[in-house]
Amino acid sequence: MLRTIFSPRSPLHDGAVILGNGKVAAAACQLPLGQPPDGASPHMGMRHRAALSLSDETDAIILVVSEETGRISLAVAGHLEPVPRENLSRRLANLLSSGRPVSRQVRRAA
C-alpha cells in the first residue's frame, strides 16, 4: 500500500500516511503548512514545509521523500535532516530508542 503513494495516478499520491503502533492509521492526508524557516531554500516544497511544521508542533518524527530527487529526510523537532537510505533504519532506531524528541514549542515553554 505504501508504494502506491509514489504512483502519480494513485488516489494516495501526494498525501501523507500516518502510522501509529505499527499500523497505517490514515492515508491520503493533507497536513497543515508552515512558513519556510529562515535560510531555507526558496524551492522547499509543500511536503517538506508540512513536515517541518508538524515536527515543530508535535513530538512526531516525520519521514519525507522528495518526489523530484528521491532523497529521504527526517523532520524532528522543527529541523530537517537529510538521511542516506543506507542509514535510515539506524537513524530511526536511534531516534525511537532515545525517547520522543521534544518539540520546539515545549522547549520554549520550559
PDB file of N, CA and C in Angstrom:
ATOM      1  N   MET A   1       0.820  -1.189   0.000  1.00  0.00           N
ATOM      2  CA  MET A   1       0.000   0.000   0.000  1.00  0.00           C
ATOM      3  C   MET A   1       0.871   1.262   0.000  1.00  0.00           C
ATOM      4  N   LEU A   2       1.954   1.281   0.771  1.00  0.00           N
ATOM      5  CA  LEU A   2       2.792   2.478   0.814  1.00  0.00           C
ATOM      6  C   LEU A   2       3.421   2.802  -0.534  1.00  0.00           C
ATOM      7  N   ARG A   3       3.686   1.795  -1.330  1.00  0.00           N
ATOM      8  CA  ARG A   3       4.272   2.044  -2.655  1.00  0.00           C
ATOM      9  C   ARG A   3       3.338   2.847  -3.555  1.00  0.00           C
ATOM     10  N   THR A   4       2.046   2.744  -3.334  1.00  0.00           N
ATOM     11  CA  THR A   4       1.103   3.455  -4.196  1.00  0.00           C
ATOM     12  C   THR A   4       1.216   4.968  -4.068  1.00  0.00           C
ATOM     13  N   ILE A   5       1.752   5.471  -2.968  1.00  0.00           N
ATOM     14  CA  ILE A   5       1.873   6.936  -2.849  1.00  0.00           C
ATOM     15  C   ILE A   5       2.878   7.503  -3.841  1.00  0.00           C
ATOM     16  N   PHE A   6       3.716   6.639  -4.428  1.00  0.00           N
ATOM     17  CA  PHE A   6       4.705   7.106  -5.395  1.00  0.00           C
ATOM     18  C   PHE A   6       4.213   6.984  -6.834  1.00  0.00           C
ATOM     19  N   SER A   7       3.009   6.501  -7.020  1.00  0.00           N
ATOM     20  CA  SER A   7       2.431   6.389  -8.350  1.00  0.00           C
ATOM     21  C   SER A   7       1.533   7.601  -8.610  1.00  0.00           C
ATOM     22  N   PRO A   8       1.861   8.424  -9.596  1.00  0.00           N
ATOM     23  CA  PRO A   8       1.095   9.654  -9.838  1.00  0.00           C
ATOM     24  C   PRO A   8      -0.390   9.438 -10.073  1.00  0.00           C
ATOM     25  N   ARG A   9      -0.804   8.268 -10.524  1.00  0.00           N
ATOM     26  CA  ARG A   9      -2.222   8.020 -10.783  1.00  0.00           C
ATOM     27  C   ARG A   9      -2.958   7.448  -9.566  1.00  0.00           C
ATOM     28  N   SER A  10      -2.242   7.232  -8.488  1.00  0.00           N
ATOM     29  CA  SER A  10      -2.852   6.650  -7.292  1.00  0.00           C
ATOM     30  C   SER A  10      -3.651   7.697  -6.529  1.00  0.00           C
ATOM     31  N   PRO A  11      -4.777   7.301  -5.932  1.00  0.00           N
ATOM     32  CA  PRO A  11      -5.529   8.256  -5.110  1.00  0.00           C
ATOM     33  C   PRO A  11      -4.772   8.655  -3.844  1.00  0.00           C
ATOM     34  N   LEU A  12      -3.736   7.895  -3.474  1.00  0.00           N
ATOM     35  CA  LEU A  12      -2.938   8.231  -2.288  1.00  0.00           C
ATOM     36  C   LEU A  12      -1.740   9.126  -2.621  1.00  0.00           C
ATOM     37  N   HIS A  13      -1.505   9.363  -3.912  1.00  0.00           N
ATOM     38  CA  HIS A  13      -0.332  10.137  -4.314  1.00  0.00           C
ATOM     39  C   HIS A  13      -0.355  11.531  -3.687  1.00  0.00           C
ATOM     40  N   ASP A  14       0.768  11.925  -3.138  1.00  0.00           N
ATOM     41  CA  ASP A  14       0.975  13.241  -2.534  1.00  0.00           C
ATOM     42  C   ASP A  14       0.282  13.425  -1.193  1.00  0.00           C
ATOM     43  N   GLY A  15      -0.400  12.443  -0.706  1.00  0.00           N
ATOM     44  CA  GLY A  15      -0.993  12.564   0.622  1.00  0.00           C
ATOM     45  C   GLY A  15      -0.073  11.950   1.655  1.00  0.00           C
ATOM     46  N   ALA A  16      -0.203  12.407   2.879  1.00  0.00           N
ATOM     47  CA  ALA A  16       0.596  11.858   3.967  1.00  0.00           C
ATOM     48  C   ALA A  16      -0.006  10.540   4.433  1.00  0.00           C
ATOM     49  N   VAL A  17       0.852   9.672   4.942  1.00  0.00           N
ATOM     50  CA  VAL A  17       0.425   8.426   5.559  1.00  0.00           C
ATOM     51  C   VAL A  17       0.777   8.530   7.033  1.00  0.00           C
ATOM     52  N   ILE A  18      -0.175   8.258   7.894  1.00  0.00           N
ATOM     53  CA  ILE A  18       0.029   8.339   9.337  1.00  0.00           C
ATOM     54  C   ILE A  18       0.143   6.918   9.883  1.00  0.00           C
ATOM     55  N   LEU A  19       1.271   6.631  10.543  1.00  0.00           N
ATOM     56  CA  LEU A  19       1.484   5.330  11.152  1.00  0.00           C
ATOM     57  C   LEU A  19       1.391   5.478  12.657  1.00  0.00           C
ATOM     58  N   GLY A  20       0.786   4.508  13.299  1.00  0.00           N
ATOM     59  CA  GLY A  20       0.706   4.506  14.755  1.00  0.00           C
ATOM     60  C   GLY A  20       0.637   3.081  15.260  1.00  0.00           C
ATOM     61  N   ASN A  21       1.463   2.767  16.232  1.00  0.00           N
ATOM     62  CA  ASN A  21       1.508   1.408  16.793  1.00  0.00           C
ATOM     63  C   ASN A  21       1.737   0.349  15.729  1.00  0.00           C
ATOM     64  N   GLY A  22       2.596   0.663  14.762  1.00  0.00           N
ATOM     65  CA  GLY A  22       2.947  -0.311  13.738  1.00  0.00           C
ATOM     66  C   GLY A  22       1.902  -0.538  12.673  1.00  0.00           C
ATOM     67  N   LYS A  23       0.859   0.282  12.631  1.00  0.00           N
ATOM     68  CA  LYS A  23      -0.210   0.114  11.644  1.00  0.00           C
ATOM     69  C   LYS A  23      -0.472   1.430  10.924  1.00  0.00           C
ATOM     70  N   VAL A  24      -1.034   1.329   9.718  1.00  0.00           N
ATOM     71  CA  VAL A  24      -1.449   2.524   8.990  1.00  0.00           C
ATOM     72  C   VAL A  24      -2.735   3.024   9.639  1.00  0.00           C
ATOM     73  N   ALA A  25      -2.666   4.230  10.190  1.00  0.00           N
ATOM     74  CA  ALA A  25      -3.828   4.827  10.852  1.00  0.00           C
ATOM     75  C   ALA A  25      -4.665   5.651   9.876  1.00  0.00           C
ATOM     76  N   ALA A  26      -4.004   6.258   8.880  1.00  0.00           N
ATOM     77  CA  ALA A  26      -4.708   7.081   7.899  1.00  0.00           C
ATOM     78  C   ALA A  26      -3.814   7.252   6.676  1.00  0.00           C
ATOM     79  N   ALA A  27      -4.425   7.517   5.533  1.00  0.00           N
ATOM     80  CA  ALA A  27      -3.670   7.736   4.299  1.00  0.00           C
ATOM     81  C   ALA A  27      -4.351   8.837   3.504  1.00  0.00           C
ATOM     82  N   ALA A  28      -3.623   9.380   2.529  1.00  0.00           N
ATOM     83  CA  ALA A  28      -4.102  10.471   1.679  1.00  0.00           C
ATOM     84  C   ALA A  28      -4.476  11.697   2.508  1.00  0.00           C
ATOM     85  N   CYS A  29      -3.708  11.958   3.555  1.00  0.00           N
ATOM     86  CA  CYS A  29      -3.977  13.086   4.467  1.00  0.00           C
ATOM     87  C   CYS A  29      -3.306  14.357   3.968  1.00  0.00           C
ATOM     88  N   GLN A  30      -3.973  15.468   4.150  1.00  0.00           N
ATOM     89  CA  GLN A  30      -3.366  16.769   3.889  1.00  0.00           C
ATOM     90  C   GLN A  30      -2.939  17.354   5.223  1.00  0.00           C
ATOM     91  N   LEU A  31      -1.687  17.777   5.295  1.00  0.00           N
ATOM     92  CA  LEU A  31      -1.137  18.308   6.537  1.00  0.00           C
ATOM     93  C   LEU A  31      -1.058  19.829   6.476  1.00  0.00           C
ATOM     94  N   PRO A  32      -1.132  20.490   7.638  1.00  0.00           N
ATOM     95  CA  PRO A  32      -1.039  21.956   7.644  1.00  0.00           C
ATOM     96  C   PRO A  32       0.363  22.409   7.235  1.00  0.00           C
ATOM     97  N   LEU A  33       0.409  23.527   6.522  1.00  0.00           N
ATOM     98  CA  LEU A  33       1.688  24.081   6.069  1.00  0.00           C
ATOM     99  C   LEU A  33       2.138  25.214   6.967  1.00  0.00           C
ATOM    100  N   GLY A  34       3.414  25.226   7.250  1.00  0.00           N
ATOM    101  CA  GLY A  34       4.004  26.361   7.934  1.00  0.00           C
ATOM    102  C   GLY A  34       4.808  27.171   6.931  1.00  0.00           C
ATOM    103  N   GLN A  35       5.305  28.298   7.358  1.00  0.00           N
ATOM    104  CA  GLN A  35       6.177  29.100   6.507  1.00  0.00           C
ATOM    105  C   GLN A  35       7.559  28.462   6.482  1.00  0.00           C
ATOM    106  N   PRO A  36       8.258  28.543   5.343  1.00  0.00           N
ATOM    107  CA  PRO A  36       9.622  28.006   5.322  1.00  0.00           C
ATOM    108  C   PRO A  36      10.470  28.709   6.373  1.00  0.00           C
ATOM    109  N   PRO A  37      11.331  27.981   7.079  1.00  0.00           N
ATOM    110  CA  PRO A  37      12.167  28.617   8.097  1.00  0.00           C
ATOM    111  C   PRO A  37      13.161  29.574   7.465  1.00  0.00           C
ATOM    112  N   ASP A  38      13.651  30.534   8.253  1.00  0.00           N
ATOM    113  CA  ASP A  38      14.661  31.468   7.768  1.00  0.00           C
ATOM    114  C   ASP A  38      15.857  30.697   7.224  1.00  0.00           C
ATOM    115  N   GLY A  39      16.347  31.101   6.085  1.00  0.00           N
ATOM    116  CA  GLY A  39      17.506  30.468   5.482  1.00  0.00           C
ATOM    117  C   GLY A  39      17.178  29.221   4.678  1.00  0.00           C
ATOM    118  N   ALA A  40      15.912  28.813   4.651  1.00  0.00           N
ATOM    119  CA  ALA A  40      15.530  27.623   3.889  1.00  0.00           C
ATOM    120  C   ALA A  40      15.549  27.946   2.402  1.00  0.00           C
ATOM    121  N   SER A  41      15.727  26.915   1.619  1.00  0.00           N
ATOM    122  CA  SER A  41      15.706  27.070   0.172  1.00  0.00           C
ATOM    123  C   SER A  41      14.346  27.626  -0.253  1.00  0.00           C
ATOM    124  N   PRO A  42      14.335  28.600  -1.152  1.00  0.00           N
ATOM    125  CA  PRO A  42      13.051  29.123  -1.635  1.00  0.00           C
ATOM    126  C   PRO A  42      12.275  28.069  -2.428  1.00  0.00           C
ATOM    127  N   HIS A  43      12.936  26.985  -2.766  1.00  0.00           N
ATOM    128  CA  HIS A  43      12.302  25.920  -3.546  1.00  0.00           C
ATOM    129  C   HIS A  43      11.795  24.785  -2.661  1.00  0.00           C
ATOM    130  N   MET A  44      11.786  24.997  -1.341  1.00  0.00           N
ATOM    131  CA  MET A  44      11.295  23.948  -0.445  1.00  0.00           C
ATOM    132  C   MET A  44       9.834  23.677  -0.766  1.00  0.00           C
ATOM    133  N   GLY A  45       9.530  22.409  -1.007  1.00  0.00           N
ATOM    134  CA  GLY A  45       8.184  22.041  -1.410  1.00  0.00           C
ATOM    135  C   GLY A  45       7.209  21.944  -0.251  1.00  0.00           C
ATOM    136  N   MET A  46       5.948  21.738  -0.616  1.00  0.00           N
ATOM    137  CA  MET A  46       4.879  21.682   0.378  1.00  0.00           C
ATOM    138  C   MET A  46       5.062  20.528   1.349  1.00  0.00           C
ATOM    139  N   ARG A  47       5.504  19.388   0.875  1.00  0.00           N
ATOM    140  CA  ARG A  47       5.624  18.250   1.783  1.00  0.00           C
ATOM    141  C   ARG A  47       6.720  18.473   2.810  1.00  0.00           C
ATOM    142  N   HIS A  48       7.821  19.128   2.427  1.00  0.00           N
ATOM    143  CA  HIS A  48       8.889  19.423   3.385  1.00  0.00           C
ATOM    144  C   HIS A  48       8.455  20.500   4.378  1.00  0.00           C
ATOM    145  N   ARG A  49       7.729  21.510   3.884  1.00  0.00           N
ATOM    146  CA  ARG A  49       7.212  22.548   4.788  1.00  0.00           C
ATOM    147  C   ARG A  49       6.223  21.965   5.787  1.00  0.00           C
ATOM    148  N   ALA A  50       5.343  21.076   5.318  1.00  0.00           N
ATOM    149  CA  ALA A  50       4.381  20.443   6.216  1.00  0.00           C
ATOM    150  C   ALA A  50       5.099  19.586   7.253  1.00  0.00           C
ATOM    151  N   ALA A  51       6.123  18.869   6.835  1.00  0.00           N
ATOM    152  CA  ALA A  51       6.882  18.025   7.769  1.00  0.00           C
ATOM    153  C   ALA A  51       7.555  18.869   8.839  1.00  0.00           C
ATOM    154  N   LEU A  52       8.172  19.964   8.433  1.00  0.00           N
ATOM    155  CA  LEU A  52       8.819  20.851   9.407  1.00  0.00           C
ATOM    156  C   LEU A  52       7.810  21.430  10.385  1.00  0.00           C
ATOM    157  N   SER A  53       6.700  21.894   9.868  1.00  0.00           N
ATOM    158  CA  SER A  53       5.663  22.490  10.707  1.00  0.00           C
ATOM    159  C   SER A  53       5.116  21.476  11.703  1.00  0.00           C
ATOM    160  N   LEU A  54       4.798  20.286  11.224  1.00  0.00           N
ATOM    161  CA  LEU A  54       4.242  19.253  12.089  1.00  0.00           C
ATOM    162  C   LEU A  54       5.253  18.813  13.147  1.00  0.00           C
ATOM    163  N   SER A  55       6.515  18.674  12.759  1.00  0.00           N
ATOM    164  CA  SER A  55       7.524  18.248  13.736  1.00  0.00           C
ATOM    165  C   SER A  55       7.825  19.343  14.754  1.00  0.00           C
ATOM    166  N   ASP A  56       7.574  20.581  14.385  1.00  0.00           N
ATOM    167  CA  ASP A  56       7.778  21.701  15.306  1.00  0.00           C
ATOM    168  C   ASP A  56       6.654  21.767  16.341  1.00  0.00           C
ATOM    169  N   GLU A  57       5.464  21.384  15.941  1.00  0.00           N
ATOM    170  CA  GLU A  57       4.289  21.482  16.812  1.00  0.00           C
ATOM    171  C   GLU A  57       4.018  20.213  17.622  1.00  0.00           C
ATOM    172  N   THR A  58       4.631  19.090  17.235  1.00  0.00           N
ATOM    173  CA  THR A  58       4.361  17.813  17.905  1.00  0.00           C
ATOM    174  C   THR A  58       5.671  17.101  18.211  1.00  0.00           C
ATOM    175  N   ASP A  59       5.566  15.942  18.835  1.00  0.00           N
ATOM    176  CA  ASP A  59       6.757  15.133  19.086  1.00  0.00           C
ATOM    177  C   ASP A  59       6.933  14.057  18.013  1.00  0.00           C
ATOM    178  N   ALA A  60       6.267  14.214  16.883  1.00  0.00           N
ATOM    179  CA  ALA A  60       6.337  13.229  15.799  1.00  0.00           C
ATOM    180  C   ALA A  60       7.682  13.277  15.097  1.00  0.00           C
ATOM    181  N   ILE A  61       8.079  12.131  14.587  1.00  0.00           N
ATOM    182  CA  ILE A  61       9.236  12.016  13.697  1.00  0.00           C
ATOM    183  C   ILE A  61       8.645  11.844  12.304  1.00  0.00           C
ATOM    184  N   ILE A  62       8.946  12.771  11.407  1.00  0.00           N
ATOM    185  CA  ILE A  62       8.326  12.785  10.077  1.00  0.00           C
ATOM    186  C   ILE A  62       9.362  12.361   9.037  1.00  0.00           C
ATOM    187  N   LEU A  63       9.040  11.326   8.261  1.00  0.00           N
ATOM    188  CA  LEU A  63       9.894  10.876   7.175  1.00  0.00           C
ATOM    189  C   LEU A  63       9.358  11.494   5.894  1.00  0.00           C
ATOM    190  N   VAL A  64      10.228  12.164   5.143  1.00  0.00           N
ATOM    191  CA  VAL A  64       9.832  12.852   3.916  1.00  0.00           C
ATOM    192  C   VAL A  64      10.673  12.320   2.761  1.00  0.00           C
ATOM    193  N   VAL A  65      10.009  11.957   1.669  1.00  0.00           N
ATOM    194  CA  VAL A  65      10.710  11.533   0.459  1.00  0.00           C
ATOM    195  C   VAL A  65      10.440  12.569  -0.616  1.00  0.00           C
ATOM    196  N   SER A  66      11.501  13.129  -1.175  1.00  0.00           N
ATOM    197  CA  SER A  66      11.353  14.117  -2.237  1.00  0.00           C
ATOM    198  C   SER A  66      10.899  13.426  -3.511  1.00  0.00           C
ATOM    199  N   GLU A  67       9.813  13.919  -4.076  1.00  0.00           N
ATOM    200  CA  GLU A  67       9.313  13.344  -5.322  1.00  0.00           C
ATOM    201  C   GLU A  67      10.291  13.601  -6.463  1.00  0.00           C
ATOM    202  N   GLU A  68      10.946  14.758  -6.440  1.00  0.00           N
ATOM    203  CA  GLU A  68      11.847  15.124  -7.528  1.00  0.00           C
ATOM    204  C   GLU A  68      13.158  14.362  -7.497  1.00  0.00           C
ATOM    205  N   THR A  69      13.753  14.209  -6.305  1.00  0.00           N
ATOM    206  CA  THR A  69      15.095  13.622  -6.209  1.00  0.00           C
ATOM    207  C   THR A  69      15.112  12.234  -5.582  1.00  0.00           C
ATOM    208  N   GLY A  70      14.059  11.860  -4.870  1.00  0.00           N
ATOM    209  CA  GLY A  70      14.045  10.592  -4.165  1.00  0.00           C
ATOM    210  C   GLY A  70      14.810  10.621  -2.859  1.00  0.00           C
ATOM    211  N   ARG A  71      15.355  11.781  -2.500  1.00  0.00           N
ATOM    212  CA  ARG A  71      16.109  11.898  -1.247  1.00  0.00           C
ATOM    213  C   ARG A  71      15.178  11.795  -0.050  1.00  0.00           C
ATOM    214  N   ILE A  72      15.702  11.188   0.998  1.00  0.00           N
ATOM    215  CA  ILE A  72      14.943  10.983   2.227  1.00  0.00           C
ATOM    216  C   ILE A  72      15.439  11.961   3.282  1.00  0.00           C
ATOM    217  N   SER A  73      14.498  12.560   3.993  1.00  0.00           N
ATOM    218  CA  SER A  73      14.828  13.448   5.109  1.00  0.00           C
ATOM    219  C   SER A  73      13.935  13.089   6.283  1.00  0.00           C
ATOM    220  N   LEU A  74      14.414  13.401   7.470  1.00  0.00           N
ATOM    221  CA  LEU A  74      13.612  13.271   8.677  1.00  0.00           C
ATOM    222  C   LEU A  74      13.416  14.657   9.257  1.00  0.00           C
ATOM    223  N   ALA A  75      12.188  14.981   9.602  1.00  0.00           N
ATOM    224  CA  ALA A  75      11.891  16.235  10.291  1.00  0.00           C
ATOM    225  C   ALA A  75      11.669  15.878  11.757  1.00  0.00           C
ATOM    226  N   VAL A  76      12.501  16.458  12.617  1.00  0.00           N
ATOM    227  CA  VAL A  76      12.446  16.177  14.054  1.00  0.00           C
ATOM    228  C   VAL A  76      12.588  17.498  14.791  1.00  0.00           C
ATOM    229  N   ALA A  77      11.620  17.799  15.644  1.00  0.00           N
ATOM    230  CA  ALA A  77      11.657  18.999  16.482  1.00  0.00           C
ATOM    231  C   ALA A  77      11.929  20.269  15.667  1.00  0.00           C
ATOM    232  N   GLY A  78      11.300  20.370  14.497  1.00  0.00           N
ATOM    233  CA  GLY A  78      11.419  21.578  13.691  1.00  0.00           C
ATOM    234  C   GLY A  78      12.681  21.682  12.859  1.00  0.00           C
ATOM    235  N   HIS A  79      13.427  20.596  12.738  1.00  0.00           N
ATOM    236  CA  HIS A  79      14.653  20.585  11.931  1.00  0.00           C
ATOM    237  C   HIS A  79      14.545  19.485  10.892  1.00  0.00           C
ATOM    238  N   LEU A  80      15.037  19.778   9.688  1.00  0.00           N
ATOM    239  CA  LEU A  80      15.022  18.817   8.595  1.00  0.00           C
ATOM    240  C   LEU A  80      16.421  18.242   8.436  1.00  0.00           C
ATOM    241  N   GLU A  81      16.520  16.924   8.504  1.00  0.00           N
ATOM    242  CA  GLU A  81      17.810  16.236   8.460  1.00  0.00           C
ATOM    243  C   GLU A  81      17.827  15.259   7.293  1.00  0.00           C
ATOM    244  N   PRO A  82      18.671  15.499   6.275  1.00  0.00           N
ATOM    245  CA  PRO A  82      18.788  14.526   5.187  1.00  0.00           C
ATOM    246  C   PRO A  82      19.397  13.229   5.738  1.00  0.00           C
ATOM    247  N   VAL A  83      18.861  12.088   5.313  1.00  0.00           N
ATOM    248  CA  VAL A  83      19.358  10.798   5.787  1.00  0.00           C
ATOM    249  C   VAL A  83      19.577   9.893   4.580  1.00  0.00           C
ATOM    250  N   PRO A  84      20.823   9.428   4.383  1.00  0.00           N
ATOM    251  CA  PRO A  84      21.051   8.477   3.293  1.00  0.00           C
ATOM    252  C   PRO A  84      20.242   7.207   3.525  1.00  0.00           C
ATOM    253  N   ARG A  85      19.754   6.619   2.443  1.00  0.00           N
ATOM    254  CA  ARG A  85      18.938   5.410   2.509  1.00  0.00           C
ATOM    255  C   ARG A  85      19.567   4.322   3.376  1.00  0.00           C
ATOM    256  N   GLU A  86      20.880   4.140   3.226  1.00  0.00           N
ATOM    257  CA  GLU A  86      21.558   3.059   3.949  1.00  0.00           C
ATOM    258  C   GLU A  86      21.636   3.320   5.457  1.00  0.00           C
ATOM    259  N   ASN A  87      21.407   4.556   5.895  1.00  0.00           N
ATOM    260  CA  ASN A  87      21.445   4.886   7.325  1.00  0.00           C
ATOM    261  C   ASN A  87      20.060   5.086   7.931  1.00  0.00           C
ATOM    262  N   LEU A  88      19.013   4.982   7.116  1.00  0.00           N
ATOM    263  CA  LEU A  88      17.666   5.314   7.582  1.00  0.00           C
ATOM    264  C   LEU A  88      17.215   4.429   8.747  1.00  0.00           C
ATOM    265  N   SER A  89      17.355   3.135   8.629  1.00  0.00           N
ATOM    266  CA  SER A  89      16.905   2.233   9.705  1.00  0.00           C
ATOM    267  C   SER A  89      17.631   2.538  11.009  1.00  0.00           C
ATOM    268  N   ARG A  90      18.928   2.731  10.924  1.00  0.00           N
ATOM    269  CA  ARG A  90      19.726   3.015  12.116  1.00  0.00           C
ATOM    270  C   ARG A  90      19.316   4.349  12.746  1.00  0.00           C
ATOM    271  N   ARG A  91      19.121   5.365  11.925  1.00  0.00           N
ATOM    272  CA  ARG A  91      18.761   6.685  12.445  1.00  0.00           C
ATOM    273  C   ARG A  91      17.380   6.657  13.103  1.00  0.00           C
ATOM    274  N   LEU A  92      16.423   5.997  12.462  1.00  0.00           N
ATOM    275  CA  LEU A  92      15.089   5.885  13.051  1.00  0.00           C
ATOM    276  C   LEU A  92      15.137   5.108  14.371  1.00  0.00           C
ATOM    277  N   ALA A  93      15.889   4.013  14.395  1.00  0.00           N
ATOM    278  CA  ALA A  93      16.017   3.224  15.622  1.00  0.00           C
ATOM    279  C   ALA A  93      16.620   4.069  16.747  1.00  0.00           C
ATOM    280  N   ASN A  94      17.628   4.881  16.413  1.00  0.00           N
ATOM    281  CA  ASN A  94      18.244   5.757  17.429  1.00  0.00           C
ATOM    282  C   ASN A  94      17.252   6.775  17.963  1.00  0.00           C
ATOM    283  N   LEU A  95      16.497   7.388  17.070  1.00  0.00           N
ATOM    284  CA  LEU A  95      15.509   8.378  17.498  1.00  0.00           C
ATOM    285  C   LEU A  95      14.420   7.747  18.365  1.00  0.00           C
ATOM    286  N   LEU A  96      13.941   6.588  17.953  1.00  0.00           N
ATOM    287  CA  LEU A  96      12.849   5.941  18.678  1.00  0.00           C
ATOM    288  C   LEU A  96      13.309   5.347  20.013  1.00  0.00           C
ATOM    289  N   SER A  97      14.544   4.875  20.075  1.00  0.00           N
ATOM    290  CA  SER A  97      15.022   4.276  21.326  1.00  0.00           C
ATOM    291  C   SER A  97      15.442   5.321  22.348  1.00  0.00           C
ATOM    292  N   SER A  98      15.742   6.528  21.877  1.00  0.00           N
ATOM    293  CA  SER A  98      16.170   7.578  22.811  1.00  0.00           C
ATOM    294  C   SER A  98      14.987   8.323  23.418  1.00  0.00           C
ATOM    295  N   GLY A  99      13.797   7.905  23.114  1.00  0.00           N
ATOM    296  CA  GLY A  99      12.603   8.615  23.593  1.00  0.00           C
ATOM    297  C   GLY A  99      12.164   9.615  22.552  1.00  0.00           C
ATOM    298  N   ARG A 100      10.983  10.115  22.721  1.00  0.00           N
ATOM    299  CA  ARG A 100      10.418  11.057  21.767  1.00  0.00           C
ATOM    300  C   ARG A 100      11.191  12.363  21.772  1.00  0.00           C
ATOM    301  N   PRO A 101      11.428  12.948  20.579  1.00  0.00           N
ATOM    302  CA  PRO A 101      12.042  14.272  20.543  1.00  0.00           C
ATOM    303  C   PRO A 101      11.102  15.298  21.153  1.00  0.00           C
ATOM    304  N   VAL A 102      11.667  16.335  21.691  1.00  0.00           N
ATOM    305  CA  VAL A 102      10.871  17.392  22.313  1.00  0.00           C
ATOM    306  C   VAL A 102      10.664  18.493  21.276  1.00  0.00           C
ATOM    307  N   SER A 103       9.408  18.867  21.056  1.00  0.00           N
ATOM    308  CA  SER A 103       9.133  19.898  20.055  1.00  0.00           C
ATOM    309  C   SER A 103       9.646  21.244  20.545  1.00  0.00           C
ATOM    310  N   ARG A 104       9.855  22.152  19.601  1.00  0.00           N
ATOM    311  CA  ARG A 104      10.326  23.489  19.949  1.00  0.00           C
ATOM    312  C   ARG A 104       9.324  24.206  20.828  1.00  0.00           C
ATOM    313  N   GLN A 105       8.040  23.978  20.623  1.00  0.00           N
ATOM    314  CA  GLN A 105       7.015  24.634  21.439  1.00  0.00           C
ATOM    315  C   GLN A 105       7.197  24.262  22.899  1.00  0.00           C
ATOM    316  N   VAL A 106       7.442  22.977  23.162  1.00  0.00           N
ATOM    317  CA  VAL A 106       7.629  22.522  24.525  1.00  0.00           C
ATOM    318  C   VAL A 106       8.912  23.100  25.104  1.00  0.00           C
ATOM    319  N   ARG A 107       9.986  23.112  24.304  1.00  0.00           N
ATOM    320  CA  ARG A 107      11.265  23.655  24.779  1.00  0.00           C
ATOM    321  C   ARG A 107      11.116  25.136  25.108  1.00  0.00           C
ATOM    322  N   ARG A 108      10.376  25.886  24.285  1.00  0.00           N
ATOM    323  CA  ARG A 108      10.207  27.323  24.536  1.00  0.00           C
ATOM    324  C   ARG A 108       9.458  27.569  25.825  1.00  0.00           C
ATOM    325  N   ALA A 109       8.476  26.712  26.120  1.00  0.00           N
ATOM    326  CA  ALA A 109       7.661  26.901  27.319  1.00  0.00           C
ATOM    327  C   ALA A 109       8.420  26.510  28.576  1.00  0.00           C
ATOM    328  N   ALA A 110       9.435  25.677  28.454  1.00  0.00           N
ATOM    329  CA  ALA A 110      10.169  25.196  29.645  1.00  0.00           C
ATOM    330  C   ALA A 110      11.094  26.250  30.198  1.00  0.00           C
TER     331      ALA A 110
END
